[in-house]
Protein backbone atom coordinates (compact mmCIF):
# COMPACT_ATOMS: atom_id res chain seq x y z
CA MET A 1 -8.94 -8.43 -9.42
CA ILE A 2 -12.53 -7.24 -8.50
CA ASP A 3 -14.32 -5.80 -5.05
CA SER A 4 -10.69 -5.95 -3.59
CA ASN A 5 -7.99 -3.00 -1.59
CA LEU A 6 -5.35 -2.26 -2.27
CA LEU A 7 -3.67 -0.99 1.58
CA ASP A 8 -1.16 1.54 1.15
CA SER A 9 1.65 1.13 3.69
CA SER A 10 0.37 4.09 5.48
CA VAL A 11 -2.84 1.36 6.84
CA TRP A 12 -0.01 -0.78 7.57
CA ILE A 13 2.14 1.23 9.38
CA SER A 14 -0.47 2.11 11.63
CA TYR A 15 -2.13 -1.28 12.49
CA LEU A 16 1.70 -2.30 13.32
CA PHE A 17 2.43 0.62 15.44
CA GLU A 18 -0.91 1.62 17.06
CA GLY A 19 -3.63 -1.30 16.30
CA GLU A 20 -5.20 0.76 14.21
CA ASN A 21 -6.96 -0.26 10.44
CA ILE A 22 -8.34 -3.63 11.50
CA LYS A 23 -11.71 -3.74 10.18
CA GLU A 24 -8.59 -2.83 6.67
CA ILE A 25 -6.15 -5.19 7.58
CA GLU A 26 -8.66 -8.57 9.45
CA THR A 27 -10.76 -8.55 6.34
CA GLU A 28 -12.11 -11.45 4.14
CA LYS A 29 -12.00 -9.35 1.21
CA PRO A 30 -9.14 -10.04 -1.15
CA THR A 31 -6.28 -7.99 -0.18
CA LEU A 32 -3.35 -6.51 -2.38
CA LEU A 33 0.25 -4.77 -1.22
CA SER A 34 2.33 -3.24 -3.60
CA VAL A 35 5.96 -4.65 -3.35
CA LEU A 36 6.83 -0.96 -2.88
CA SER A 37 4.87 -0.44 0.24
CA LEU A 38 6.35 -3.32 1.53
CA PHE A 39 10.07 -1.31 1.36
CA GLU A 40 8.33 1.82 2.87
CA ILE A 41 7.16 -1.01 6.50
CA LYS A 42 9.84 -2.13 6.05
CA THR A 43 12.41 0.69 6.54
CA ARG A 44 9.93 2.90 8.53
CA LEU A 45 9.96 -0.55 10.69
CA THR A 46 13.95 -0.23 10.25
CA LYS A 47 14.37 3.73 11.51
CA LYS A 48 12.18 2.99 14.45
CA GLN A 49 14.85 0.17 16.03
CA VAL A 50 12.40 -2.21 15.85
CA GLU A 51 14.36 -6.08 16.30
CA PRO A 52 15.39 -7.79 13.17
CA GLN A 53 13.77 -10.91 13.86
CA LYS A 54 10.01 -8.54 14.55
CA ILE A 55 10.68 -7.42 11.67
CA LYS A 56 10.92 -10.47 10.18
CA GLU A 57 7.87 -11.69 11.94
CA LYS A 58 5.47 -8.46 11.14
CA LEU A 59 6.79 -8.81 6.82
CA GLU A 60 5.99 -12.51 7.14
CA PHE A 61 2.13 -11.30 8.46
CA ILE A 62 1.95 -8.92 6.08
CA LYS A 63 2.75 -11.26 3.05
CA LYS A 64 0.37 -13.51 4.58
CA ARG A 65 -2.30 -11.39 4.62
CA ALA A 66 -2.00 -10.21 1.39
CA ILE A 67 -1.37 -10.52 -2.00
CA LEU A 68 2.08 -8.63 -3.83
CA ILE A 69 2.00 -7.54 -6.62
CA ASP A 70 5.47 -6.66 -8.57
CA THR A 71 5.90 -2.93 -10.72
CA ASN A 72 5.99 -4.03 -13.45
CA THR A 73 6.30 -1.67 -16.90
CA SER A 74 2.37 -1.57 -17.40
CA ILE A 75 2.60 0.28 -13.89
CA ALA A 76 5.45 2.55 -14.43
CA GLU A 77 3.56 3.80 -17.73
CA LYS A 78 0.44 5.03 -15.92
CA ALA A 79 1.80 5.81 -13.11
CA SER A 80 4.22 8.50 -15.34
CA GLU A 81 1.01 10.14 -16.37
CA ILE A 82 -0.58 10.00 -12.93
CA ALA A 83 2.61 11.77 -11.10
CA ILE A 84 2.25 14.14 -14.32
CA LYS A 85 -1.94 14.82 -14.27
CA HIS A 86 -2.11 14.97 -10.44
CA ASN A 87 1.50 16.21 -9.18
CA ILE A 88 2.34 13.57 -6.73
CA PRO A 89 5.17 11.94 -5.95
CA ALA A 90 6.69 8.58 -8.06
CA ILE A 91 6.30 6.24 -5.23
CA ASP A 92 3.19 7.71 -4.80
CA SER A 93 2.34 7.42 -8.45
CA LEU A 94 3.42 3.77 -8.39
CA ILE A 95 1.20 2.24 -6.11
CA TYR A 96 -2.12 4.64 -6.96
CA ALA A 97 -1.60 2.60 -10.92
CA THR A 98 -1.13 -1.07 -8.82
CA ALA A 99 -4.71 -0.09 -7.87
CA ILE A 100 -5.28 1.08 -10.57
CA LEU A 101 -4.40 -1.65 -12.89
CA ASN A 102 -5.47 -4.53 -10.52
CA LYS A 103 -9.05 -2.73 -10.48
CA ALA A 104 -8.48 -2.43 -6.84
CA LYS A 105 -9.55 0.75 -4.56
CA LEU A 106 -6.88 2.38 -2.38
CA ILE A 107 -6.94 2.62 0.86
CA THR A 108 -4.91 5.36 2.56
CA LEU A 109 -4.12 7.81 5.53
CA ASP A 110 -2.00 9.92 3.32
CA ASN A 111 -3.90 13.22 1.71
CA ASP A 112 -1.85 13.00 -1.46
CA PHE A 113 -4.55 10.71 -2.54
CA ARG A 114 -7.39 12.72 -1.64
CA GLY A 115 -10.18 13.33 -4.14
CA LEU A 116 -8.35 10.53 -6.64
CA PRO A 117 -11.15 8.41 -8.06
CA ASP A 118 -10.89 4.57 -5.81
CA ALA A 119 -8.89 5.96 -3.46
CA ILE A 120 -9.93 6.68 0.29
CA VAL A 121 -7.99 8.10 2.54
CA LEU A 122 -9.04 6.90 6.17
């Protein structure tokens, strides 16, 4: 994907709970999402004791707004290199590798990505 953004779970969670980052969510630009971020979002909603029906509705909304990207061997291998080089956690490395291999900018609120090429920390 050219000229697209991959939104980290932190951006979606901020949008869902505080109504922030509207510009990143409600855009015409293609928006990507790692399936790992979907895992993180559902986990956070469940821990916050959001009603199961509301969780389902929020996840459906996300799936309609974003192109989901599955993790594969190319992403896993690239993520391994990233984790070692930048000393960032496994899931973060997998999400960042997903953005890189899909030629997307990573948009996040997570400081673990600060200073990385094509990562924009809001």
